[in-house]
Amino acid sequence: MIIVNLDVMMAKRKISSGELAEKVGITPANLSILKTNKAKAIRFSTLEKLCDILDCKPGDILDYDKNTEEKI
């Protein structure tokens, strides 16, 4: 399962959800879906903006754990 560690990077960069959503150009609701691992997909353009704003790499935000079962 893909795990989104967006909260970790946001805390490190001291940026709020509202501020990040505005800078990325997505709704706060969509950012919340990403943060809570409920997203089924993410656009590369959105991932690129997140990385640019948070000054990180995709691997800092996304992780993979084959032992974690997806909650359906």
PDB file of N, CA and C in Angstrom:
ATOM      1  N   MET A   1       0.833  -1.183   0.000  1.00  0.00           N
ATOM      2  CA  MET A   1       0.000   0.000   0.000  1.00  0.00           C
ATOM      3  C   MET A   1       0.879   1.248   0.000  1.00  0.00           C
ATOM      4  N   ILE A   2       0.466   2.214  -0.745  1.00  0.00           N
ATOM      5  CA  ILE A   2       1.151   3.507  -0.772  1.00  0.00           C
ATOM      6  C   ILE A   2       0.716   4.305   0.456  1.00  0.00           C
ATOM      7  N   ILE A   3       1.687   4.841   1.148  1.00  0.00           N
ATOM      8  CA  ILE A   3       1.433   5.633   2.347  1.00  0.00           C
ATOM      9  C   ILE A   3       1.848   7.073   2.071  1.00  0.00           C
ATOM     10  N   VAL A   4       0.972   8.003   2.391  1.00  0.00           N
ATOM     11  CA  VAL A   4       1.252   9.425   2.180  1.00  0.00           C
ATOM     12  C   VAL A   4       1.695  10.034   3.503  1.00  0.00           C
ATOM     13  N   ASN A   5       2.915  10.537   3.522  1.00  0.00           N
ATOM     14  CA  ASN A   5       3.495  11.151   4.719  1.00  0.00           C
ATOM     15  C   ASN A   5       3.470  12.677   4.628  1.00  0.00           C
ATOM     16  N   LEU A   6       2.388  13.207   4.109  1.00  0.00           N
ATOM     17  CA  LEU A   6       2.293  14.648   3.899  1.00  0.00           C
ATOM     18  C   LEU A   6       2.323  15.415   5.218  1.00  0.00           C
ATOM     19  N   ASP A   7       1.693  14.881   6.254  1.00  0.00           N
ATOM     20  CA  ASP A   7       1.682  15.552   7.560  1.00  0.00           C
ATOM     21  C   ASP A   7       3.097  15.765   8.095  1.00  0.00           C
ATOM     22  N   VAL A   8       3.948  14.768   7.889  1.00  0.00           N
ATOM     23  CA  VAL A   8       5.326  14.846   8.373  1.00  0.00           C
ATOM     24  C   VAL A   8       6.056  16.004   7.698  1.00  0.00           C
ATOM     25  N   MET A   9       5.942  16.071   6.370  1.00  0.00           N
ATOM     26  CA  MET A   9       6.635  17.143   5.639  1.00  0.00           C
ATOM     27  C   MET A   9       6.045  18.509   5.965  1.00  0.00           C
ATOM     28  N   MET A  10       4.736  18.561   6.140  1.00  0.00           N
ATOM     29  CA  MET A  10       4.105  19.837   6.490  1.00  0.00           C
ATOM     30  C   MET A  10       4.588  20.315   7.857  1.00  0.00           C
ATOM     31  N   ALA A  11       4.716  19.409   8.795  1.00  0.00           N
ATOM     32  CA  ALA A  11       5.203  19.781  10.130  1.00  0.00           C
ATOM     33  C   ALA A  11       6.652  20.258  10.056  1.00  0.00           C
ATOM     34  N   LYS A  12       7.473  19.564   9.282  1.00  0.00           N
ATOM     35  CA  LYS A  12       8.872  19.959   9.140  1.00  0.00           C
ATOM     36  C   LYS A  12       9.006  21.351   8.526  1.00  0.00           C
ATOM     37  N   ARG A  13       8.115  21.657   7.605  1.00  0.00           N
ATOM     38  CA  ARG A  13       8.175  22.956   6.906  1.00  0.00           C
ATOM     39  C   ARG A  13       7.302  24.014   7.574  1.00  0.00           C
ATOM     40  N   LYS A  14       6.602  23.614   8.622  1.00  0.00           N
ATOM     41  CA  LYS A  14       5.740  24.542   9.380  1.00  0.00           C
ATOM     42  C   LYS A  14       4.753  25.272   8.466  1.00  0.00           C
ATOM     43  N   ILE A  15       3.987  24.473   7.715  1.00  0.00           N
ATOM     44  CA  ILE A  15       2.985  25.024   6.808  1.00  0.00           C
ATOM     45  C   ILE A  15       1.635  24.398   7.130  1.00  0.00           C
ATOM     46  N   SER A  16       0.601  25.212   7.129  1.00  0.00           N
ATOM     47  CA  SER A  16      -0.742  24.722   7.455  1.00  0.00           C
ATOM     48  C   SER A  16      -1.388  24.080   6.234  1.00  0.00           C
ATOM     49  N   SER A  17      -2.426  23.314   6.473  1.00  0.00           N
ATOM     50  CA  SER A  17      -3.165  22.675   5.388  1.00  0.00           C
ATOM     51  C   SER A  17      -3.759  23.715   4.447  1.00  0.00           C
ATOM     52  N   GLY A  18      -4.350  24.739   5.024  1.00  0.00           N
ATOM     53  CA  GLY A  18      -4.964  25.786   4.205  1.00  0.00           C
ATOM     54  C   GLY A  18      -3.961  26.492   3.314  1.00  0.00           C
ATOM     55  N   GLU A  19      -2.809  26.817   3.891  1.00  0.00           N
ATOM     56  CA  GLU A  19      -1.764  27.500   3.126  1.00  0.00           C
ATOM     57  C   GLU A  19      -1.219  26.601   2.016  1.00  0.00           C
ATOM     58  N   LEU A  20      -0.979  25.335   2.335  1.00  0.00           N
ATOM     59  CA  LEU A  20      -0.459  24.415   1.334  1.00  0.00           C
ATOM     60  C   LEU A  20      -1.460  24.198   0.214  1.00  0.00           C
ATOM     61  N   ALA A  21      -2.723  23.988   0.556  1.00  0.00           N
ATOM     62  CA  ALA A  21      -3.758  23.788  -0.457  1.00  0.00           C
ATOM     63  C   ALA A  21      -3.824  24.983  -1.402  1.00  0.00           C
ATOM     64  N   GLU A  22      -3.764  26.180  -0.835  1.00  0.00           N
ATOM     65  CA  GLU A  22      -3.824  27.395  -1.658  1.00  0.00           C
ATOM     66  C   GLU A  22      -2.623  27.492  -2.593  1.00  0.00           C
ATOM     67  N   LYS A  23      -1.435  27.230  -2.073  1.00  0.00           N
ATOM     68  CA  LYS A  23      -0.223  27.330  -2.892  1.00  0.00           C
ATOM     69  C   LYS A  23      -0.179  26.266  -3.992  1.00  0.00           C
ATOM     70  N   VAL A  24      -0.698  25.078  -3.695  1.00  0.00           N
ATOM     71  CA  VAL A  24      -0.700  23.988  -4.676  1.00  0.00           C
ATOM     72  C   VAL A  24      -1.812  24.194  -5.705  1.00  0.00           C
ATOM     73  N   GLY A  25      -2.886  24.829  -5.270  1.00  0.00           N
ATOM     74  CA  GLY A  25      -4.008  25.056  -6.177  1.00  0.00           C
ATOM     75  C   GLY A  25      -5.030  23.935  -6.134  1.00  0.00           C
ATOM     76  N   ILE A  26      -5.175  23.313  -4.957  1.00  0.00           N
ATOM     77  CA  ILE A  26      -6.192  22.289  -4.765  1.00  0.00           C
ATOM     78  C   ILE A  26      -7.078  22.704  -3.592  1.00  0.00           C
ATOM     79  N   THR A  27      -8.218  22.068  -3.489  1.00  0.00           N
ATOM     80  CA  THR A  27      -9.119  22.420  -2.397  1.00  0.00           C
ATOM     81  C   THR A  27      -8.602  21.820  -1.084  1.00  0.00           C
ATOM     82  N   PRO A  28      -8.939  22.444   0.026  1.00  0.00           N
ATOM     83  CA  PRO A  28      -8.570  21.865   1.314  1.00  0.00           C
ATOM     84  C   PRO A  28      -9.130  20.443   1.481  1.00  0.00           C
ATOM     85  N   ALA A  29     -10.306  20.190   0.913  1.00  0.00           N
ATOM     86  CA  ALA A  29     -10.900  18.852   0.996  1.00  0.00           C
ATOM     87  C   ALA A  29     -10.030  17.829   0.260  1.00  0.00           C
ATOM     88  N   ASN A  30      -9.536  18.187  -0.917  1.00  0.00           N
ATOM     89  CA  ASN A  30      -8.676  17.264  -1.666  1.00  0.00           C
ATOM     90  C   ASN A  30      -7.345  17.047  -0.952  1.00  0.00           C
ATOM     91  N   LEU A  31      -6.808  18.083  -0.334  1.00  0.00           N
ATOM     92  CA  LEU A  31      -5.576  17.924   0.439  1.00  0.00           C
ATOM     93  C   LEU A  31      -5.819  16.979   1.619  1.00  0.00           C
ATOM     94  N   SER A  32      -6.969  17.109   2.254  1.00  0.00           N
ATOM     95  CA  SER A  32      -7.317  16.235   3.367  1.00  0.00           C
ATOM     96  C   SER A  32      -7.401  14.780   2.913  1.00  0.00           C
ATOM     97  N   ILE A  33      -7.959  14.544   1.737  1.00  0.00           N
ATOM     98  CA  ILE A  33      -8.045  13.191   1.181  1.00  0.00           C
ATOM     99  C   ILE A  33      -6.651  12.615   0.991  1.00  0.00           C
ATOM    100  N   LEU A  34      -5.732  13.436   0.508  1.00  0.00           N
ATOM    101  CA  LEU A  34      -4.342  12.984   0.349  1.00  0.00           C
ATOM    102  C   LEU A  34      -3.715  12.664   1.701  1.00  0.00           C
ATOM    103  N   LYS A  35      -3.880  13.569   2.661  1.00  0.00           N
ATOM    104  CA  LYS A  35      -3.245  13.421   3.969  1.00  0.00           C
ATOM    105  C   LYS A  35      -3.738  12.193   4.729  1.00  0.00           C
ATOM    106  N   THR A  36      -4.973  11.795   4.497  1.00  0.00           N
ATOM    107  CA  THR A  36      -5.554  10.687   5.245  1.00  0.00           C
ATOM    108  C   THR A  36      -5.470   9.360   4.488  1.00  0.00           C
ATOM    109  N   ASN A  37      -4.658   9.321   3.448  1.00  0.00           N
ATOM    110  CA  ASN A  37      -4.452   8.102   2.645  1.00  0.00           C
ATOM    111  C   ASN A  37      -5.730   7.578   2.008  1.00  0.00           C
ATOM    112  N   LYS A  38      -6.669   8.452   1.710  1.00  0.00           N
ATOM    113  CA  LYS A  38      -7.918   8.035   1.074  1.00  0.00           C
ATOM    114  C   LYS A  38      -7.911   8.264  -0.434  1.00  0.00           C
ATOM    115  N   ALA A  39      -6.861   8.896  -0.936  1.00  0.00           N
ATOM    116  CA  ALA A  39      -6.776   9.175  -2.373  1.00  0.00           C
ATOM    117  C   ALA A  39      -6.489   7.894  -3.145  1.00  0.00           C
ATOM    118  N   LYS A  40      -7.116   7.754  -4.291  1.00  0.00           N
ATOM    119  CA  LYS A  40      -6.876   6.604  -5.162  1.00  0.00           C
ATOM    120  C   LYS A  40      -5.780   6.917  -6.176  1.00  0.00           C
ATOM    121  N   ALA A  41      -5.504   8.201  -6.383  1.00  0.00           N
ATOM    122  CA  ALA A  41      -4.495   8.613  -7.365  1.00  0.00           C
ATOM    123  C   ALA A  41      -4.049  10.033  -7.035  1.00  0.00           C
ATOM    124  N   ILE A  42      -2.914  10.403  -7.596  1.00  0.00           N
ATOM    125  CA  ILE A  42      -2.428  11.780  -7.493  1.00  0.00           C
ATOM    126  C   ILE A  42      -1.807  12.143  -8.841  1.00  0.00           C
ATOM    127  N   ARG A  43      -2.101  13.308  -9.322  1.00  0.00           N
ATOM    128  CA  ARG A  43      -1.518  13.770 -10.581  1.00  0.00           C
ATOM    129  C   ARG A  43      -0.052  14.118 -10.346  1.00  0.00           C
ATOM    130  N   PHE A  44       0.756  13.805 -11.346  1.00  0.00           N
ATOM    131  CA  PHE A  44       2.167  14.165 -11.239  1.00  0.00           C
ATOM    132  C   PHE A  44       2.332  15.672 -11.088  1.00  0.00           C
ATOM    133  N   SER A  45       1.468  16.446 -11.727  1.00  0.00           N
ATOM    134  CA  SER A  45       1.578  17.903 -11.609  1.00  0.00           C
ATOM    135  C   SER A  45       1.314  18.351 -10.169  1.00  0.00           C
ATOM    136  N   THR A  46       0.381  17.693  -9.483  1.00  0.00           N
ATOM    137  CA  THR A  46       0.109  18.012  -8.081  1.00  0.00           C
ATOM    138  C   THR A  46       1.275  17.590  -7.202  1.00  0.00           C
ATOM    139  N   LEU A  47       1.809  16.391  -7.457  1.00  0.00           N
ATOM    140  CA  LEU A  47       2.959  15.907  -6.699  1.00  0.00           C
ATOM    141  C   LEU A  47       4.156  16.831  -6.897  1.00  0.00           C
ATOM    142  N   GLU A  48       4.344  17.287  -8.126  1.00  0.00           N
ATOM    143  CA  GLU A  48       5.448  18.205  -8.424  1.00  0.00           C
ATOM    144  C   GLU A  48       5.297  19.517  -7.649  1.00  0.00           C
ATOM    145  N   LYS A  49       4.087  20.051  -7.597  1.00  0.00           N
ATOM    146  CA  LYS A  49       3.847  21.298  -6.860  1.00  0.00           C
ATOM    147  C   LYS A  49       4.075  21.093  -5.364  1.00  0.00           C
ATOM    148  N   LEU A  50       3.596  19.963  -4.839  1.00  0.00           N
ATOM    149  CA  LEU A  50       3.820  19.668  -3.421  1.00  0.00           C
ATOM    150  C   LEU A  50       5.308  19.628  -3.111  1.00  0.00           C
ATOM    151  N   CYS A  51       6.068  18.947  -3.965  1.00  0.00           N
ATOM    152  CA  CYS A  51       7.512  18.842  -3.753  1.00  0.00           C
ATOM    153  C   CYS A  51       8.191  20.201  -3.852  1.00  0.00           C
ATOM    154  N   ASP A  52       7.743  21.011  -4.796  1.00  0.00           N
ATOM    155  CA  ASP A  52       8.329  22.342  -4.971  1.00  0.00           C
ATOM    156  C   ASP A  52       8.076  23.206  -3.732  1.00  0.00           C
ATOM    157  N   ILE A  53       6.842  23.219  -3.276  1.00  0.00           N
ATOM    158  CA  ILE A  53       6.478  24.067  -2.133  1.00  0.00           C
ATOM    159  C   ILE A  53       7.102  23.550  -0.836  1.00  0.00           C
ATOM    160  N   LEU A  54       7.139  22.233  -0.666  1.00  0.00           N
ATOM    161  CA  LEU A  54       7.690  21.652   0.561  1.00  0.00           C
ATOM    162  C   LEU A  54       9.196  21.416   0.475  1.00  0.00           C
ATOM    163  N   ASP A  55       9.782  21.732  -0.677  1.00  0.00           N
ATOM    164  CA  ASP A  55      11.220  21.565  -0.909  1.00  0.00           C
ATOM    165  C   ASP A  55      11.660  20.151  -0.535  1.00  0.00           C
ATOM    166  N   CYS A  56      11.046  19.189  -1.226  1.00  0.00           N
ATOM    167  CA  CYS A  56      11.344  17.793  -0.944  1.00  0.00           C
ATOM    168  C   CYS A  56      11.266  16.968  -2.230  1.00  0.00           C
ATOM    169  N   LYS A  57      11.473  15.679  -2.096  1.00  0.00           N
ATOM    170  CA  LYS A  57      11.380  14.746  -3.210  1.00  0.00           C
ATOM    171  C   LYS A  57      10.119  13.902  -3.034  1.00  0.00           C
ATOM    172  N   PRO A  58       9.601  13.302  -4.120  1.00  0.00           N
ATOM    173  CA  PRO A  58       8.402  12.468  -3.988  1.00  0.00           C
ATOM    174  C   PRO A  58       8.539  11.389  -2.915  1.00  0.00           C
ATOM    175  N   GLY A  59       9.726  10.826  -2.764  1.00  0.00           N
ATOM    176  CA  GLY A  59       9.955   9.795  -1.760  1.00  0.00           C
ATOM    177  C   GLY A  59       9.857  10.298  -0.333  1.00  0.00           C
ATOM    178  N   ASP A  60       9.921  11.620  -0.152  1.00  0.00           N
ATOM    179  CA  ASP A  60       9.734  12.187   1.180  1.00  0.00           C
ATOM    180  C   ASP A  60       8.251  12.240   1.548  1.00  0.00           C
ATOM    181  N   ILE A  61       7.403  12.219   0.528  1.00  0.00           N
ATOM    182  CA  ILE A  61       5.959  12.308   0.736  1.00  0.00           C
ATOM    183  C   ILE A  61       5.299  10.937   0.627  1.00  0.00           C
ATOM    184  N   LEU A  62       5.759  10.137  -0.329  1.00  0.00           N
ATOM    185  CA  LEU A  62       5.145   8.832  -0.596  1.00  0.00           C
ATOM    186  C   LEU A  62       6.044   7.697  -0.143  1.00  0.00           C
ATOM    187  N   ASP A  63       5.438   6.684   0.421  1.00  0.00           N
ATOM    188  CA  ASP A  63       6.167   5.499   0.856  1.00  0.00           C
ATOM    189  C   ASP A  63       5.359   4.274   0.448  1.00  0.00           C
ATOM    190  N   TYR A  64       5.993   3.124   0.470  1.00  0.00           N
ATOM    191  CA  TYR A  64       5.320   1.878   0.115  1.00  0.00           C
ATOM    192  C   TYR A  64       5.590   0.839   1.184  1.00  0.00           C
ATOM    193  N   ASP A  65       4.533   0.198   1.639  1.00  0.00           N
ATOM    194  CA  ASP A  65       4.649  -0.864   2.636  1.00  0.00           C
ATOM    195  C   ASP A  65       3.784  -2.027   2.185  1.00  0.00           C
ATOM    196  N   LYS A  66       4.423  -3.072   1.688  1.00  0.00           N
ATOM    197  CA  LYS A  66       3.655  -4.213   1.177  1.00  0.00           C
ATOM    198  C   LYS A  66       2.945  -4.987   2.279  1.00  0.00           C
ATOM    199  N   ASN A  67       3.318  -4.747   3.524  1.00  0.00           N
ATOM    200  CA  ASN A  67       2.684  -5.437   4.649  1.00  0.00           C
ATOM    201  C   ASN A  67       1.450  -4.733   5.186  1.00  0.00           C
ATOM    202  N   THR A  68       1.187  -3.533   4.680  1.00  0.00           N
ATOM    203  CA  THR A  68       0.013  -2.776   5.100  1.00  0.00           C
ATOM    204  C   THR A  68      -1.128  -3.096   4.154  1.00  0.00           C
ATOM    205  N   GLU A  69      -2.241  -3.520   4.706  1.00  0.00           N
ATOM    206  CA  GLU A  69      -3.400  -3.833   3.885  1.00  0.00           C
ATOM    207  C   GLU A  69      -4.234  -2.596   3.653  1.00  0.00           C
ATOM    208  N   GLU A  70      -4.704  -2.480   2.411  1.00  0.00           N
ATOM    209  CA  GLU A  70      -5.566  -1.346   2.066  1.00  0.00           C
ATOM    210  C   GLU A  70      -6.924  -1.553   2.722  1.00  0.00           C
ATOM    211  N   LYS A  71      -7.440  -0.490   3.319  1.00  0.00           N
ATOM    212  CA  LYS A  71      -8.756  -0.544   3.939  1.00  0.00           C
ATOM    213  C   LYS A  71      -9.806  -0.263   2.871  1.00  0.00           C
ATOM    214  N   ILE A  72     -10.670  -1.222   2.657  1.00  0.00           N
ATOM    215  CA  ILE A  72     -11.699  -1.059   1.609  1.00  0.00           C
ATOM    216  C   ILE A  72     -13.011  -0.694   2.240  1.00  0.00           C
TER     217      ILE A  72
END
